[in-house]
Protein backbone atom coordinates (compact mmCIF):
# COMPACT_ATOMS: atom_id res chain seq x y z
CA UNK A 1 9.75 -122.85 -52.90
CA UNK A 2 7.44 -123.89 -49.84
CA UNK A 3 4.97 -124.84 -49.96
CA UNK A 4 3.06 -122.84 -48.56
CA UNK A 5 3.78 -120.80 -52.06
CA UNK A 6 3.26 -123.52 -53.95
CA UNK A 7 -0.19 -123.82 -52.19
CA UNK A 8 -1.01 -120.43 -52.65
CA UNK A 9 0.36 -120.85 -56.41
CA UNK A 10 -2.34 -123.43 -57.38
CA UNK A 11 -5.05 -121.45 -55.77
CA UNK A 12 -3.93 -118.38 -57.76
CA UNK A 13 -3.26 -120.60 -60.70
CA UNK A 14 -7.30 -121.97 -60.42
CA UNK A 15 -8.17 -118.18 -59.63
CA UNK A 16 -6.69 -117.11 -63.18
CA UNK A 17 -8.31 -120.20 -65.17
CA UNK A 18 -11.94 -120.00 -63.80
CA UNK A 19 -11.70 -115.94 -64.97
CA UNK A 20 -10.35 -117.24 -68.70
CA UNK A 21 -12.66 -119.31 -68.57
CA UNK A 22 -15.63 -117.19 -68.00
CA UNK A 23 -13.51 -114.43 -70.20
CA UNK A 24 -14.33 -116.84 -72.81
CA UNK A 25 -17.79 -117.44 -71.95
CA UNK A 26 -18.47 -114.01 -72.25
CA UNK A 27 -16.93 -113.75 -75.13
CA UNK A 28 -19.13 -116.47 -76.93
CA UNK A 29 -21.16 -114.13 -79.59
CA UNK A 30 -18.50 -112.28 -80.66
CA UNK A 31 -18.30 -113.02 -84.22
CA UNK A 32 -15.37 -113.03 -86.54
CA UNK A 33 -12.30 -115.62 -87.34
CA UNK A 34 -9.69 -113.85 -84.92
CA UNK A 35 -12.03 -114.18 -82.28
CA UNK A 36 -12.54 -117.76 -82.83
CA UNK A 37 -8.72 -118.21 -83.32
CA UNK A 38 -7.82 -116.38 -79.99
CA UNK A 39 -10.82 -118.82 -78.64
CA UNK A 40 -9.46 -121.50 -79.00
CA UNK A 41 -5.73 -121.31 -78.44
CA UNK A 42 -6.69 -120.04 -75.20
CA UNK A 43 -9.55 -122.86 -74.67
CA UNK A 44 -5.99 -125.09 -75.59
CA UNK A 45 -3.96 -123.47 -73.21
CA UNK A 46 -6.36 -123.53 -70.45
CA UNK A 47 -6.73 -126.69 -70.92
CA UNK A 48 -3.02 -127.16 -70.81
CA UNK A 49 -2.93 -125.88 -67.59
CA UNK A 50 -5.36 -127.21 -66.27
CA UNK A 51 -4.05 -130.68 -66.61
CA UNK A 52 -0.27 -129.42 -65.33
CA UNK A 53 -2.16 -127.88 -61.98
CA UNK A 54 -3.42 -130.94 -61.62
CA UNK A 55 -0.54 -132.29 -61.47
CA UNK A 56 1.44 -130.03 -59.63
CA UNK A 57 -1.06 -130.99 -56.91
CA UNK A 58 -0.60 -134.27 -56.58
CA UNK A 59 3.24 -133.64 -56.24
CA UNK A 60 2.42 -131.51 -53.36
CA UNK A 61 0.03 -133.89 -51.67
CA UNK A 62 2.69 -136.94 -52.25
CA UNK A 63 5.35 -134.14 -51.27
CA UNK A 64 3.47 -133.47 -48.21
CA UNK A 65 2.88 -137.12 -47.59
CA UNK A 66 6.48 -138.20 -47.92
CA UNK A 67 7.71 -135.16 -45.37
CA UNK A 68 5.03 -136.77 -42.53
CA UNK A 69 5.86 -139.98 -42.92
CA UNK A 70 9.28 -139.19 -42.34
CA UNK A 71 7.90 -136.94 -38.86
CA UNK A 72 6.47 -140.34 -37.71
CA UNK A 73 9.22 -142.33 -38.54
CA UNK A 74 11.97 -140.02 -36.36
CA UNK A 75 9.54 -138.81 -33.71
CA UNK A 76 9.10 -142.97 -33.35
CA UNK A 77 12.70 -143.48 -33.61
CA UNK A 78 13.76 -140.53 -31.38
CA UNK A 79 10.67 -140.19 -29.39
CA UNK A 80 12.06 -137.77 -26.14
CA UNK A 81 14.38 -135.83 -28.36
CA UNK A 82 10.57 -135.14 -30.20
CA UNK A 83 9.69 -134.29 -26.63
CA UNK A 84 12.68 -132.56 -25.66
CA UNK A 85 12.16 -130.49 -28.92
CA UNK A 86 8.90 -129.63 -28.58
CA UNK A 87 9.10 -128.50 -25.04
CA UNK A 88 11.66 -126.05 -26.12
CA UNK A 89 9.30 -124.52 -29.01
CA UNK A 90 6.92 -124.57 -26.21
CA UNK A 91 8.59 -122.82 -24.17
CA UNK A 92 10.05 -120.04 -26.57
CA UNK A 93 6.22 -119.36 -28.08
CA UNK A 94 5.46 -119.31 -23.99
CA UNK A 95 7.94 -116.78 -23.26
CA UNK A 96 7.13 -114.88 -26.65
CA UNK A 97 3.36 -114.54 -25.87
CA UNK A 98 4.36 -113.31 -22.09
CA UNK A 99 6.34 -110.05 -23.11
CA UNK A 100 3.06 -109.05 -24.96
């Protein structure tokens, strides 16, 4: 799974949690044993999801830091190769933009 997809998943999960919490607040005035049971289950599941979401976000940030450090180490170990790759990518992007 790409980092962009993971970030989108985290954002979407936060929206679902917010919507679920809003739904629970909206149904707070509803009476009945079954409603109370469903609200309790939903509250527990939302709390669990928030914890898992926080863990996923920490893992994503840690992975991004590792990738950043690896890139930094590579560029420091191979500066001219990195300059060549950057120049090549810049050249290709320039060609693509110039074709428009």
